Each structure stands twice: as C-alpha cells, then as structure tokens.
PDB file of all heavy atoms in Angstrom:
ATOM      1  N   ASN A   1     -40.547  87.557  -1.145  1.00  0.00           N
ATOM      2  CA  ASN A   1     -40.203  87.074  -2.485  1.00  0.00           C
ATOM      3  C   ASN A   1     -39.355  88.141  -3.141  1.00  0.00           C
ATOM      4  O   ASN A   1     -39.758  88.751  -4.112  1.00  0.00           O
ATOM      5  CB  ASN A   1     -41.495  86.771  -3.241  1.00  0.00           C
ATOM      6  CG  ASN A   1     -41.230  85.993  -4.516  1.00  0.00           C
ATOM      7  OD1 ASN A   1     -40.216  85.317  -4.619  1.00  0.00           O
ATOM      8  ND2 ASN A   1     -42.144  86.064  -5.428  1.00  0.00           N
ATOM      9  N   ASN A   2     -38.184  88.399  -2.584  1.00  0.00           N
ATOM     10  CA  ASN A   2     -37.272  89.442  -3.076  1.00  0.00           C
ATOM     11  C   ASN A   2     -36.820  89.135  -4.477  1.00  0.00           C
ATOM     12  O   ASN A   2     -36.505  88.007  -4.789  1.00  0.00           O
ATOM     13  CB  ASN A   2     -36.032  89.521  -2.172  1.00  0.00           C
ATOM     14  CG  ASN A   2     -36.399  89.935  -0.758  1.00  0.00           C
ATOM     15  OD1 ASN A   2     -36.858  91.048  -0.543  1.00  0.00           O
ATOM     16  ND2 ASN A   2     -36.171  89.046   0.182  1.00  0.00           N
ATOM     17  N   LEU A   3     -36.739  90.211  -5.296  1.00  0.00           N
ATOM     18  CA  LEU A   3     -36.140  90.082  -6.609  1.00  0.00           C
ATOM     19  C   LEU A   3     -34.620  89.894  -6.414  1.00  0.00           C
ATOM     20  O   LEU A   3     -33.988  90.712  -5.756  1.00  0.00           O
ATOM     21  CB  LEU A   3     -36.392  91.318  -7.485  1.00  0.00           C
ATOM     22  CG  LEU A   3     -35.705  91.357  -8.828  1.00  0.00           C
ATOM     23  CD1 LEU A   3     -36.240  90.223  -9.704  1.00  0.00           C
ATOM     24  CD2 LEU A   3     -35.917  92.699  -9.501  1.00  0.00           C
ATOM     25  N   ILE A   4     -34.087  88.855  -7.006  1.00  0.00           N
ATOM     26  CA  ILE A   4     -32.645  88.575  -6.938  1.00  0.00           C
ATOM     27  C   ILE A   4     -32.107  88.787  -8.332  1.00  0.00           C
ATOM     28  O   ILE A   4     -32.610  88.207  -9.323  1.00  0.00           O
ATOM     29  CB  ILE A   4     -32.389  87.146  -6.477  1.00  0.00           C
ATOM     30  CG1 ILE A   4     -32.896  86.960  -5.017  1.00  0.00           C
ATOM     31  CG2 ILE A   4     -30.907  86.838  -6.554  1.00  0.00           C
ATOM     32  CD1 ILE A   4     -32.817  85.510  -4.501  1.00  0.00           C
ATOM     33  N   SER A   5     -31.109  89.636  -8.421  1.00  0.00           N
ATOM     34  CA  SER A   5     -30.429  89.906  -9.713  1.00  0.00           C
ATOM     35  C   SER A   5     -29.204  89.021  -9.797  1.00  0.00           C
ATOM     36  O   SER A   5     -28.424  88.919  -8.839  1.00  0.00           O
ATOM     37  CB  SER A   5     -29.996  91.386  -9.837  1.00  0.00           C
ATOM     38  OG  SER A   5     -31.121  92.237  -9.780  1.00  0.00           O
ATOM     39  N   ILE A   6     -29.030  88.403 -10.963  1.00  0.00           N
ATOM     40  CA  ILE A   6     -27.892  87.509 -11.159  1.00  0.00           C
ATOM     41  C   ILE A   6     -27.028  88.114 -12.281  1.00  0.00           C
ATOM     42  O   ILE A   6     -27.543  88.450 -13.351  1.00  0.00           O
ATOM     43  CB  ILE A   6     -28.376  86.093 -11.617  1.00  0.00           C
ATOM     44  CG1 ILE A   6     -29.337  85.537 -10.548  1.00  0.00           C
ATOM     45  CG2 ILE A   6     -27.214  85.182 -11.877  1.00  0.00           C
ATOM     46  CD1 ILE A   6     -30.413  84.680 -11.114  1.00  0.00           C
ATOM     47  N   VAL A   7     -25.733  88.281 -11.987  1.00  0.00           N
ATOM     48  CA  VAL A   7     -24.813  88.891 -12.942  1.00  0.00           C
ATOM     49  C   VAL A   7     -23.834  87.846 -13.423  1.00  0.00           C
ATOM     50  O   VAL A   7     -23.132  87.194 -12.643  1.00  0.00           O
ATOM     51  CB  VAL A   7     -24.032  90.074 -12.272  1.00  0.00           C
ATOM     52  CG1 VAL A   7     -23.007  90.638 -13.231  1.00  0.00           C
ATOM     53  CG2 VAL A   7     -25.028  91.153 -11.828  1.00  0.00           C
ATOM     54  N   ILE A   8     -23.823  87.695 -14.751  1.00  0.00           N
ATOM     55  CA  ILE A   8     -22.877  86.747 -15.411  1.00  0.00           C
ATOM     56  C   ILE A   8     -21.991  87.545 -16.364  1.00  0.00           C
ATOM     57  O   ILE A   8     -22.474  88.034 -17.399  1.00  0.00           O
ATOM     58  CB  ILE A   8     -23.568  85.651 -16.211  1.00  0.00           C
ATOM     59  CG1 ILE A   8     -24.476  84.781 -15.356  1.00  0.00           C
ATOM     60  CG2 ILE A   8     -22.525  84.793 -16.955  1.00  0.00           C
ATOM     61  CD1 ILE A   8     -25.229  83.696 -16.142  1.00  0.00           C
ATOM     62  N   PRO A   9     -20.710  87.683 -16.046  1.00  0.00           N
ATOM     63  CA  PRO A   9     -19.761  88.237 -17.037  1.00  0.00           C
ATOM     64  C   PRO A   9     -19.300  87.121 -17.954  1.00  0.00           C
ATOM     65  O   PRO A   9     -19.185  85.953 -17.506  1.00  0.00           O
ATOM     66  CB  PRO A   9     -18.611  88.782 -16.176  1.00  0.00           C
ATOM     67  CG  PRO A   9     -18.648  87.935 -14.958  1.00  0.00           C
ATOM     68  CD  PRO A   9     -20.071  87.479 -14.774  1.00  0.00           C
ATOM     69  N   THR A  10     -19.072  87.405 -19.214  1.00  0.00           N
ATOM     70  CA  THR A  10     -18.655  86.343 -20.129  1.00  0.00           C
ATOM     71  C   THR A  10     -17.801  86.862 -21.275  1.00  0.00           C
ATOM     72  O   THR A  10     -17.859  88.030 -21.616  1.00  0.00           O
ATOM     73  CB  THR A  10     -19.882  85.596 -20.716  1.00  0.00           C
ATOM     74  OG1 THR A  10     -19.471  84.400 -21.350  1.00  0.00           O
ATOM     75  CG2 THR A  10     -20.682  86.450 -21.632  1.00  0.00           C
ATOM     76  N   TYR A  11     -17.012  85.939 -21.810  1.00  0.00           N
ATOM     77  CA  TYR A  11     -16.250  86.220 -23.024  1.00  0.00           C
ATOM     78  C   TYR A  11     -15.928  84.904 -23.712  1.00  0.00           C
ATOM     79  O   TYR A  11     -15.200  84.077 -23.132  1.00  0.00           O
ATOM     80  CB  TYR A  11     -14.973  86.985 -22.734  1.00  0.00           C
ATOM     81  CG  TYR A  11     -14.132  87.245 -23.988  1.00  0.00           C
ATOM     82  CD1 TYR A  11     -14.573  88.110 -24.970  1.00  0.00           C
ATOM     83  CD2 TYR A  11     -12.940  86.541 -24.173  1.00  0.00           C
ATOM     84  CE1 TYR A  11     -13.808  88.282 -26.124  1.00  0.00           C
ATOM     85  CE2 TYR A  11     -12.186  86.742 -25.311  1.00  0.00           C
ATOM     86  CZ  TYR A  11     -12.626  87.613 -26.300  1.00  0.00           C
ATOM     87  OH  TYR A  11     -11.921  87.784 -27.435  1.00  0.00           O
ATOM     88  N   ASN A  12     -16.459  84.683 -24.865  1.00  0.00           N
ATOM     89  CA  ASN A  12     -16.207  83.503 -25.704  1.00  0.00           C
ATOM     90  C   ASN A  12     -16.367  82.173 -24.947  1.00  0.00           C
ATOM     91  O   ASN A  12     -15.537  81.292 -25.020  1.00  0.00           O
ATOM     92  CB  ASN A  12     -14.824  83.559 -26.330  1.00  0.00           C
ATOM     93  CG  ASN A  12     -14.763  84.516 -27.504  1.00  0.00           C
ATOM     94  OD1 ASN A  12     -15.788  84.863 -28.070  1.00  0.00           O
ATOM     95  ND2 ASN A  12     -13.574  84.986 -27.822  1.00  0.00           N
ATOM     96  N   ARG A  13     -17.496  82.087 -24.249  1.00  0.00           N
ATOM     97  CA  ARG A  13     -17.792  80.841 -23.508  1.00  0.00           C
ATOM     98  C   ARG A  13     -19.198  80.339 -23.868  1.00  0.00           C
ATOM     99  O   ARG A  13     -19.953  79.912 -22.996  1.00  0.00           O
ATOM    100  CB  ARG A  13     -17.656  81.021 -22.016  1.00  0.00           C
ATOM    101  CG  ARG A  13     -16.236  81.125 -21.563  1.00  0.00           C
ATOM    102  CD  ARG A  13     -16.185  81.022 -20.078  1.00  0.00           C
ATOM    103  NE  ARG A  13     -14.822  80.811 -19.620  1.00  0.00           N
ATOM    104  CZ  ARG A  13     -14.405  81.104 -18.433  1.00  0.00           C
ATOM    105  NH1 ARG A  13     -15.238  81.603 -17.561  1.00  0.00           N
ATOM    106  NH2 ARG A  13     -13.179  80.901 -18.060  1.00  0.00           N
ATOM    107  N   LYS A  14     -19.539  80.449 -25.122  1.00  0.00           N
ATOM    108  CA  LYS A  14     -20.914  80.157 -25.564  1.00  0.00           C
ATOM    109  C   LYS A  14     -21.468  78.837 -25.047  1.00  0.00           C
ATOM    110  O   LYS A  14     -22.540  78.795 -24.520  1.00  0.00           O
ATOM    111  CB  LYS A  14     -20.950  80.185 -27.089  1.00  0.00           C
ATOM    112  CG  LYS A  14     -22.288  79.920 -27.668  1.00  0.00           C
ATOM    113  CD  LYS A  14     -22.222  79.935 -29.187  1.00  0.00           C
ATOM    114  CE  LYS A  14     -23.434  79.294 -29.781  1.00  0.00           C
ATOM    115  NZ  LYS A  14     -23.300  79.104 -31.233  1.00  0.00           N
ATOM    116  N   LYS A  15     -20.703  77.732 -25.199  1.00  0.00           N
ATOM    117  CA  LYS A  15     -21.172  76.451 -24.761  1.00  0.00           C
ATOM    118  C   LYS A  15     -21.386  76.363 -23.254  1.00  0.00           C
ATOM    119  O   LYS A  15     -22.388  75.832 -22.794  1.00  0.00           O
ATOM    120  CB  LYS A  15     -20.243  75.344 -25.257  1.00  0.00           C
ATOM    121  CG  LYS A  15     -20.293  75.128 -26.731  1.00  0.00           C
ATOM    122  CD  LYS A  15     -19.351  74.010 -27.192  1.00  0.00           C
ATOM    123  CE  LYS A  15     -19.422  73.855 -28.703  1.00  0.00           C
ATOM    124  NZ  LYS A  15     -18.500  72.843 -29.176  1.00  0.00           N
ATOM    125  N   LYS A  16     -20.432  76.868 -22.540  1.00  0.00           N
ATOM    126  CA  LYS A  16     -20.570  76.838 -21.055  1.00  0.00           C
ATOM    127  C   LYS A  16     -21.613  77.849 -20.579  1.00  0.00           C
ATOM    128  O   LYS A  16     -22.332  77.570 -19.620  1.00  0.00           O
ATOM    129  CB  LYS A  16     -19.227  77.104 -20.431  1.00  0.00           C
ATOM    130  CG  LYS A  16     -18.251  75.968 -20.684  1.00  0.00           C
ATOM    131  CD  LYS A  16     -16.907  76.194 -20.039  1.00  0.00           C
ATOM    132  CE  LYS A  16     -16.009  74.985 -20.304  1.00  0.00           C
ATOM    133  NZ  LYS A  16     -14.709  75.093 -19.644  1.00  0.00           N
ATOM    134  N   LEU A  17     -21.736  78.983 -21.266  1.00  0.00           N
ATOM    135  CA  LEU A  17     -22.710  79.977 -20.875  1.00  0.00           C
ATOM    136  C   LEU A  17     -24.108  79.426 -21.007  1.00  0.00           C
ATOM    137  O   LEU A  17     -24.964  79.707 -20.154  1.00  0.00           O
ATOM    138  CB  LEU A  17     -22.537  81.239 -21.751  1.00  0.00           C
ATOM    139  CG  LEU A  17     -23.574  82.336 -21.543  1.00  0.00           C
ATOM    140  CD1 LEU A  17     -23.496  82.884 -20.092  1.00  0.00           C
ATOM    141  CD2 LEU A  17     -23.370  83.446 -22.562  1.00  0.00           C
ATOM    142  N   GLU A  18     -24.373  78.651 -22.029  1.00  0.00           N
ATOM    143  CA  GLU A  18     -25.699  78.073 -22.210  1.00  0.00           C
ATOM    144  C   GLU A  18     -26.098  77.250 -20.984  1.00  0.00           C
ATOM    145  O   GLU A  18     -27.222  77.336 -20.491  1.00  0.00           O
ATOM    146  CB  GLU A  18     -25.758  77.217 -23.480  1.00  0.00           C
ATOM    147  CG  GLU A  18     -27.117  76.613 -23.713  1.00  0.00           C
ATOM    148  CD  GLU A  18     -27.224  75.848 -25.024  1.00  0.00           C
ATOM    149  OE1 GLU A  18     -26.145  75.475 -25.596  1.00  0.00           O
ATOM    150  OE2 GLU A  18     -28.352  75.654 -25.503  1.00  0.00           O
ATOM    151  N   ARG A  19     -25.191  76.461 -20.487  1.00  0.00           N
ATOM    152  CA  ARG A  19     -25.442  75.644 -19.270  1.00  0.00           C
ATOM    153  C   ARG A  19     -25.725  76.544 -18.072  1.00  0.00           C
ATOM    154  O   ARG A  19     -26.607  76.272 -17.273  1.00  0.00           O
ATOM    155  CB  ARG A  19     -24.267  74.697 -19.037  1.00  0.00           C
ATOM    156  CG  ARG A  19     -24.461  73.757 -17.835  1.00  0.00           C
ATOM    157  CD  ARG A  19     -23.327  72.824 -17.668  1.00  0.00           C
ATOM    158  NE  ARG A  19     -22.101  73.632 -17.400  1.00  0.00           N
ATOM    159  CZ  ARG A  19     -20.912  73.130 -17.305  1.00  0.00           C
ATOM    160  NH1 ARG A  19     -20.704  71.849 -17.450  1.00  0.00           N
ATOM    161  NH2 ARG A  19     -19.859  73.920 -17.076  1.00  0.00           N
ATOM    162  N   ALA A  20     -24.954  77.617 -17.947  1.00  0.00           N
ATOM    163  CA  ALA A  20     -25.151  78.541 -16.835  1.00  0.00           C
ATOM    164  C   ALA A  20     -26.527  79.178 -16.926  1.00  0.00           C
ATOM    165  O   ALA A  20     -27.273  79.258 -15.925  1.00  0.00           O
ATOM    166  CB  ALA A  20     -24.064  79.640 -16.858  1.00  0.00           C
ATOM    167  N   ILE A  21     -26.926  79.634 -18.100  1.00  0.00           N
ATOM    168  CA  ILE A  21     -28.240  80.242 -18.300  1.00  0.00           C
ATOM    169  C   ILE A  21     -29.348  79.246 -17.958  1.00  0.00           C
ATOM    170  O   ILE A  21     -30.343  79.561 -17.275  1.00  0.00           O
ATOM    171  CB  ILE A  21     -28.422  80.770 -19.721  1.00  0.00           C
ATOM    172  CG1 ILE A  21     -27.437  81.963 -19.953  1.00  0.00           C
ATOM    173  CG2 ILE A  21     -29.864  81.212 -20.002  1.00  0.00           C
ATOM    174  CD1 ILE A  21     -27.335  82.370 -21.425  1.00  0.00           C
ATOM    175  N   LEU A  22     -29.225  78.018 -18.457  1.00  0.00           N
ATOM    176  CA  LEU A  22     -30.250  77.002 -18.184  1.00  0.00           C
ATOM    177  C   LEU A  22     -30.358  76.719 -16.688  1.00  0.00           C
ATOM    178  O   LEU A  22     -31.487  76.495 -16.196  1.00  0.00           O
ATOM    179  CB  LEU A  22     -29.921  75.707 -18.951  1.00  0.00           C
ATOM    180  CG  LEU A  22     -30.163  75.779 -20.475  1.00  0.00           C
ATOM    181  CD1 LEU A  22     -29.597  74.537 -21.152  1.00  0.00           C
ATOM    182  CD2 LEU A  22     -31.642  75.957 -20.788  1.00  0.00           C
ATOM    183  N   SER A  23     -29.263  76.803 -15.966  1.00  0.00           N
ATOM    184  CA  SER A  23     -29.318  76.558 -14.522  1.00  0.00           C
ATOM    185  C   SER A  23     -30.063  77.661 -13.806  1.00  0.00           C
ATOM    186  O   SER A  23     -30.681  77.423 -12.754  1.00  0.00           O
ATOM    187  CB  SER A  23     -27.930  76.350 -13.936  1.00  0.00           C
ATOM    188  OG  SER A  23     -27.211  77.542 -13.754  1.00  0.00           O
ATOM    189  N   VAL A  24     -30.086  78.865 -14.355  1.00  0.00           N
ATOM    190  CA  VAL A  24     -30.898  79.958 -13.801  1.00  0.00           C
ATOM    191  C   VAL A  24     -32.337  79.779 -14.200  1.00  0.00           C
ATOM    192  O   VAL A  24     -33.237  79.911 -13.378  1.00  0.00           O
ATOM    193  CB  VAL A  24     -30.322  81.337 -14.258  1.00  0.00           C
ATOM    194  CG1 VAL A  24     -31.256  82.450 -13.805  1.00  0.00           C
ATOM    195  CG2 VAL A  24     -28.951  81.536 -13.733  1.00  0.00           C
ATOM    196  N   LEU A  25     -32.593  79.508 -15.483  1.00  0.00           N
ATOM    197  CA  LEU A  25     -33.957  79.345 -15.934  1.00  0.00           C
ATOM    198  C   LEU A  25     -34.690  78.231 -15.198  1.00  0.00           C
ATOM    199  O   LEU A  25     -35.923  78.289 -14.999  1.00  0.00           O
ATOM    200  CB  LEU A  25     -33.977  79.022 -17.422  1.00  0.00           C
ATOM    201  CG  LEU A  25     -33.596  80.169 -18.366  1.00  0.00           C
ATOM    202  CD1 LEU A  25     -33.451  79.648 -19.809  1.00  0.00           C
ATOM    203  CD2 LEU A  25     -34.624  81.265 -18.305  1.00  0.00           C
ATOM    204  N   ASN A  26     -33.960  77.200 -14.728  1.00  0.00           N
ATOM    205  CA  ASN A  26     -34.572  76.063 -14.070  1.00  0.00           C
ATOM    206  C   ASN A  26     -34.683  76.239 -12.533  1.00  0.00           C
ATOM    207  O   ASN A  26     -35.058  75.280 -11.822  1.00  0.00           O
ATOM    208  CB  ASN A  26     -33.771  74.808 -14.383  1.00  0.00           C
ATOM    209  CG  ASN A  26     -33.937  74.398 -15.814  1.00  0.00           C
ATOM    210  OD1 ASN A  26     -35.018  74.549 -16.392  1.00  0.00           O
ATOM    211  ND2 ASN A  26     -32.876  73.909 -16.428  1.00  0.00           N
ATOM    212  N   GLN A  27     -34.392  77.417 -12.016  1.00  0.00           N
ATOM    213  CA  GLN A  27     -34.450  77.610 -10.558  1.00  0.00           C
ATOM    214  C   GLN A  27     -35.868  77.423 -10.064  1.00  0.00           C
ATOM    215  O   GLN A  27     -36.862  77.845 -10.674  1.00  0.00           O
ATOM    216  CB  GLN A  27     -33.948  78.996 -10.211  1.00  0.00           C
ATOM    217  CG  GLN A  27     -32.476  79.229 -10.336  1.00  0.00           C
ATOM    218  CD  GLN A  27     -31.687  78.354  -9.388  1.00  0.00           C
ATOM    219  OE1 GLN A  27     -31.865  78.376  -8.169  1.00  0.00           O
ATOM    220  NE2 GLN A  27     -30.828  77.514  -9.978  1.00  0.00           N
ATOM    221  N   SER A  28     -35.987  76.798  -8.894  1.00  0.00           N
ATOM    222  CA  SER A  28     -37.311  76.653  -8.236  1.00  0.00           C
ATOM    223  C   SER A  28     -37.810  77.987  -7.738  1.00  0.00           C
ATOM    224  O   SER A  28     -39.005  78.240  -7.670  1.00  0.00           O
ATOM    225  CB  SER A  28     -37.263  75.608  -7.129  1.00  0.00           C
ATOM    226  OG  SER A  28     -36.328  75.974  -6.140  1.00  0.00           O
ATOM    227  N   TYR A  29     -36.897  78.900  -7.324  1.00  0.00           N
ATOM    228  CA  TYR A  29     -37.229  80.266  -6.914  1.00  0.00           C
ATOM    229  C   TYR A  29     -37.319  81.063  -8.183  1.00  0.00           C
ATOM    230  O   TYR A  29     -36.400  81.099  -8.991  1.00  0.00           O
ATOM    231  CB  TYR A  29     -36.147  80.804  -5.993  1.00  0.00           C
ATOM    232  CG  TYR A  29     -36.414  82.154  -5.437  1.00  0.00           C
ATOM    233  CD1 TYR A  29     -37.047  82.303  -4.223  1.00  0.00           C
ATOM    234  CD2 TYR A  29     -35.984  83.310  -6.097  1.00  0.00           C
ATOM    235  CE1 TYR A  29     -37.279  83.551  -3.681  1.00  0.00           C
ATOM    236  CE2 TYR A  29     -36.237  84.560  -5.575  1.00  0.00           C
ATOM    237  CZ  TYR A  29     -36.881  84.700  -4.371  1.00  0.00           C
ATOM    238  OH  TYR A  29     -37.109  85.910  -3.826  1.00  0.00           O
ATOM    239  N   LYS A  30     -38.452  81.725  -8.435  1.00  0.00           N
ATOM    240  CA  LYS A  30     -38.741  82.315  -9.746  1.00  0.00           C
ATOM    241  C   LYS A  30     -38.587  83.824  -9.813  1.00  0.00           C
ATOM    242  O   LYS A  30     -38.655  84.401 -10.922  1.00  0.00           O
ATOM    243  CB  LYS A  30     -40.138  81.931 -10.201  1.00  0.00           C
ATOM    244  CG  LYS A  30     -40.333  80.411 -10.370  1.00  0.00           C
ATOM    245  CD  LYS A  30     -39.438  79.865 -11.424  1.00  0.00           C
ATOM    246  CE  LYS A  30     -39.683  78.402 -11.672  1.00  0.00           C
ATOM    247  NZ  LYS A  30     -38.695  77.790 -12.555  1.00  0.00           N
ATOM    248  N   ASN A  31     -38.378  84.527  -8.711  1.00  0.00           N
ATOM    249  CA  ASN A  31     -38.315  86.010  -8.767  1.00  0.00           C
ATOM    250  C   ASN A  31     -36.886  86.467  -8.937  1.00  0.00           C
ATOM    251  O   ASN A  31     -36.203  86.815  -7.954  1.00  0.00           O
ATOM    252  CB  ASN A  31     -38.977  86.623  -7.514  1.00  0.00           C
ATOM    253  CG  ASN A  31     -39.233  88.112  -7.740  1.00  0.00           C
ATOM    254  OD1 ASN A  31     -39.243  88.591  -8.857  1.00  0.00           O
ATOM    255  ND2 ASN A  31     -39.417  88.829  -6.652  1.00  0.00           N
ATOM    256  N   TRP A  32     -36.392  86.403 -10.162  1.00  0.00           N
ATOM    257  CA  TRP A  32     -35.024  86.742 -10.459  1.00  0.00           C
ATOM    258  C   TRP A  32     -34.986  87.480 -11.816  1.00  0.00           C
ATOM    259  O   TRP A  32     -35.921  87.396 -12.584  1.00  0.00           O
ATOM    260  CB  TRP A  32     -34.103  85.508 -10.500  1.00  0.00           C
ATOM    261  CG  TRP A  32     -34.600  84.399 -11.395  1.00  0.00           C
ATOM    262  CD1 TRP A  32     -35.311  83.289 -11.014  1.00  0.00           C
ATOM    263  CD2 TRP A  32     -34.485  84.327 -12.827  1.00  0.00           C
ATOM    264  NE1 TRP A  32     -35.595  82.515 -12.128  1.00  0.00           N
ATOM    265  CE2 TRP A  32     -35.111  83.125 -13.257  1.00  0.00           C
ATOM    266  CE3 TRP A  32     -33.934  85.140 -13.817  1.00  0.00           C
ATOM    267  CZ2 TRP A  32     -35.174  82.727 -14.593  1.00  0.00           C
ATOM    268  CZ3 TRP A  32     -33.985  84.736 -15.145  1.00  0.00           C
ATOM    269  CH2 TRP A  32     -34.626  83.547 -15.507  1.00  0.00           C
ATOM    270  N   GLU A  33     -33.875  88.140 -12.047  1.00  0.00           N
ATOM    271  CA  GLU A  33     -33.535  88.686 -13.333  1.00  0.00           C
ATOM    272  C   GLU A  33     -32.096  88.297 -13.616  1.00  0.00           C
ATOM    273  O   GLU A  33     -31.287  88.204 -12.687  1.00  0.00           O
ATOM    274  CB  GLU A  33     -33.696  90.213 -13.389  1.00  0.00           C
ATOM    275  CG  GLU A  33     -32.705  90.973 -12.524  1.00  0.00           C
ATOM    276  CD  GLU A  33     -32.739  92.444 -12.732  1.00  0.00           C
ATOM    277  OE1 GLU A  33     -33.352  92.975 -13.645  1.00  0.00           O
ATOM    278  OE2 GLU A  33     -32.057  93.140 -11.911  1.00  0.00           O
ATOM    279  N   LEU A  34     -31.779  88.056 -14.877  1.00  0.00           N
ATOM    280  CA  LEU A  34     -30.445  87.623 -15.259  1.00  0.00           C
ATOM    281  C   LEU A  34     -29.832  88.729 -16.101  1.00  0.00           C
ATOM    282  O   LEU A  34     -30.435  89.173 -17.104  1.00  0.00           O
ATOM    283  CB  LEU A  34     -30.520  86.307 -16.033  1.00  0.00           C
ATOM    284  CG  LEU A  34     -29.179  85.782 -16.556  1.00  0.00           C
ATOM    285  CD1 LEU A  34     -28.166  85.568 -15.438  1.00  0.00           C
ATOM    286  CD2 LEU A  34     -29.440  84.437 -17.293  1.00  0.00           C
ATOM    287  N   ILE A  35     -28.645  89.163 -15.724  1.00  0.00           N
ATOM    288  CA  ILE A  35     -27.906  90.194 -16.411  1.00  0.00           C
ATOM    289  C   ILE A  35     -26.640  89.584 -16.951  1.00  0.00           C
ATOM    290  O   ILE A  35     -25.761  89.220 -16.163  1.00  0.00           O
ATOM    291  CB  ILE A  35     -27.638  91.406 -15.512  1.00  0.00           C
ATOM    292  CG1 ILE A  35     -28.962  91.984 -15.026  1.00  0.00           C
ATOM    293  CG2 ILE A  35     -26.825  92.464 -16.262  1.00  0.00           C
ATOM    294  CD1 ILE A  35     -28.854  92.744 -13.750  1.00  0.00           C
ATOM    295  N   ILE A  36     -26.521  89.496 -18.266  1.00  0.00           N
ATOM    296  CA  ILE A  36     -25.310  88.929 -18.899  1.00  0.00           C
ATOM    297  C   ILE A  36     -24.536  90.090 -19.476  1.00  0.00           C
ATOM    298  O   ILE A  36     -25.070  90.873 -20.270  1.00  0.00           O
ATOM    299  CB  ILE A  36     -25.698  87.902 -19.982  1.00  0.00           C
ATOM    300  CG1 ILE A  36     -26.487  86.731 -19.363  1.00  0.00           C
ATOM    301  CG2 ILE A  36     -24.442  87.411 -20.691  1.00  0.00           C
ATOM    302  CD1 ILE A  36     -27.116  85.787 -20.328  1.00  0.00           C
ATOM    303  N   VAL A  37     -23.275  90.204 -19.080  1.00  0.00           N
ATOM    304  CA  VAL A  37     -22.405  91.250 -19.546  1.00  0.00           C
ATOM    305  C   VAL A  37     -21.292  90.609 -20.383  1.00  0.00           C
ATOM    306  O   VAL A  37     -20.418  89.930 -19.843  1.00  0.00           O
ATOM    307  CB  VAL A  37     -21.819  92.090 -18.385  1.00  0.00           C
ATOM    308  CG1 VAL A  37     -20.981  93.242 -18.907  1.00  0.00           C
ATOM    309  CG2 VAL A  37     -22.949  92.599 -17.492  1.00  0.00           C
ATOM    310  N   ASP A  38     -21.356  90.822 -21.677  1.00  0.00           N
ATOM    311  CA  ASP A  38     -20.436  90.182 -22.597  1.00  0.00           C
ATOM    312  C   ASP A  38     -19.350  91.163 -23.040  1.00  0.00           C
ATOM    313  O   ASP A  38     -19.594  92.319 -23.383  1.00  0.00           O
ATOM    314  CB  ASP A  38     -21.235  89.739 -23.849  1.00  0.00           C
ATOM    315  CG  ASP A  38     -20.356  89.079 -24.889  1.00  0.00           C
ATOM    316  OD1 ASP A  38     -19.485  88.309 -24.524  1.00  0.00           O
ATOM    317  OD2 ASP A  38     -20.612  89.360 -26.087  1.00  0.00           O
ATOM    318  N   ASN A  39     -18.134  90.679 -23.052  1.00  0.00           N
ATOM    319  CA  ASN A  39     -16.938  91.456 -23.438  1.00  0.00           C
ATOM    320  C   ASN A  39     -16.713  91.325 -24.952  1.00  0.00           C
ATOM    321  O   ASN A  39     -15.632  91.001 -25.391  1.00  0.00           O
ATOM    322  CB  ASN A  39     -15.717  90.999 -22.644  1.00  0.00           C
ATOM    323  CG  ASN A  39     -14.518  91.898 -22.812  1.00  0.00           C
ATOM    324  OD1 ASN A  39     -14.621  93.064 -23.120  1.00  0.00           O
ATOM    325  ND2 ASN A  39     -13.332  91.316 -22.661  1.00  0.00           N
ATOM    326  N   TYR A  40     -17.766  91.530 -25.706  1.00  0.00           N
ATOM    327  CA  TYR A  40     -17.744  91.451 -27.198  1.00  0.00           C
ATOM    328  C   TYR A  40     -17.160  90.133 -27.667  1.00  0.00           C
ATOM    329  O   TYR A  40     -16.187  90.080 -28.416  1.00  0.00           O
ATOM    330  CB  TYR A  40     -16.992  92.646 -27.799  1.00  0.00           C
ATOM    331  CG  TYR A  40     -17.764  93.916 -27.660  1.00  0.00           C
ATOM    332  CD1 TYR A  40     -17.449  94.827 -26.636  1.00  0.00           C
ATOM    333  CD2 TYR A  40     -18.840  94.200 -28.522  1.00  0.00           C
ATOM    334  CE1 TYR A  40     -18.211  96.005 -26.491  1.00  0.00           C
ATOM    335  CE2 TYR A  40     -19.557  95.400 -28.373  1.00  0.00           C
ATOM    336  CZ  TYR A  40     -19.236  96.265 -27.356  1.00  0.00           C
ATOM    337  OH  TYR A  40     -19.967  97.425 -27.202  1.00  0.00           O
ATOM    338  N   SER A  41     -17.791  89.063 -27.276  1.00  0.00           N
ATOM    339  CA  SER A  41     -17.370  87.702 -27.715  1.00  0.00           C
ATOM    340  C   SER A  41     -17.468  87.585 -29.210  1.00  0.00           C
ATOM    341  O   SER A  41     -18.286  88.245 -29.866  1.00  0.00           O
ATOM    342  CB  SER A  41     -18.290  86.661 -27.074  1.00  0.00           C
ATOM    343  OG  SER A  41     -18.123  86.606 -25.685  1.00  0.00           O
TER     344      SER A  41
END
C-alpha cells in the first residue's frame, strides 16, 4: 500500500482544478497525498 504523491501545477484554472481535485479525492486507492503548486493565481 505504497504512498503515492500526486503533483498538480496550476495557474488560473480554478474551475478545472476543482474537477481534478475531486477526481483524486474519489480514488478507490486511498494511500495518496496531493501536492498543488500554484503560480500565484
């Protein structure tokens, strides 16, 4: 059950980013961390 890190870079994509985040939150595999790197949106 390896920890999987997910990296999302973003800039001014709030609406699309929400869908991306929800797709991670809804994963059947639960051992993950999400790292969002924002370019000062």
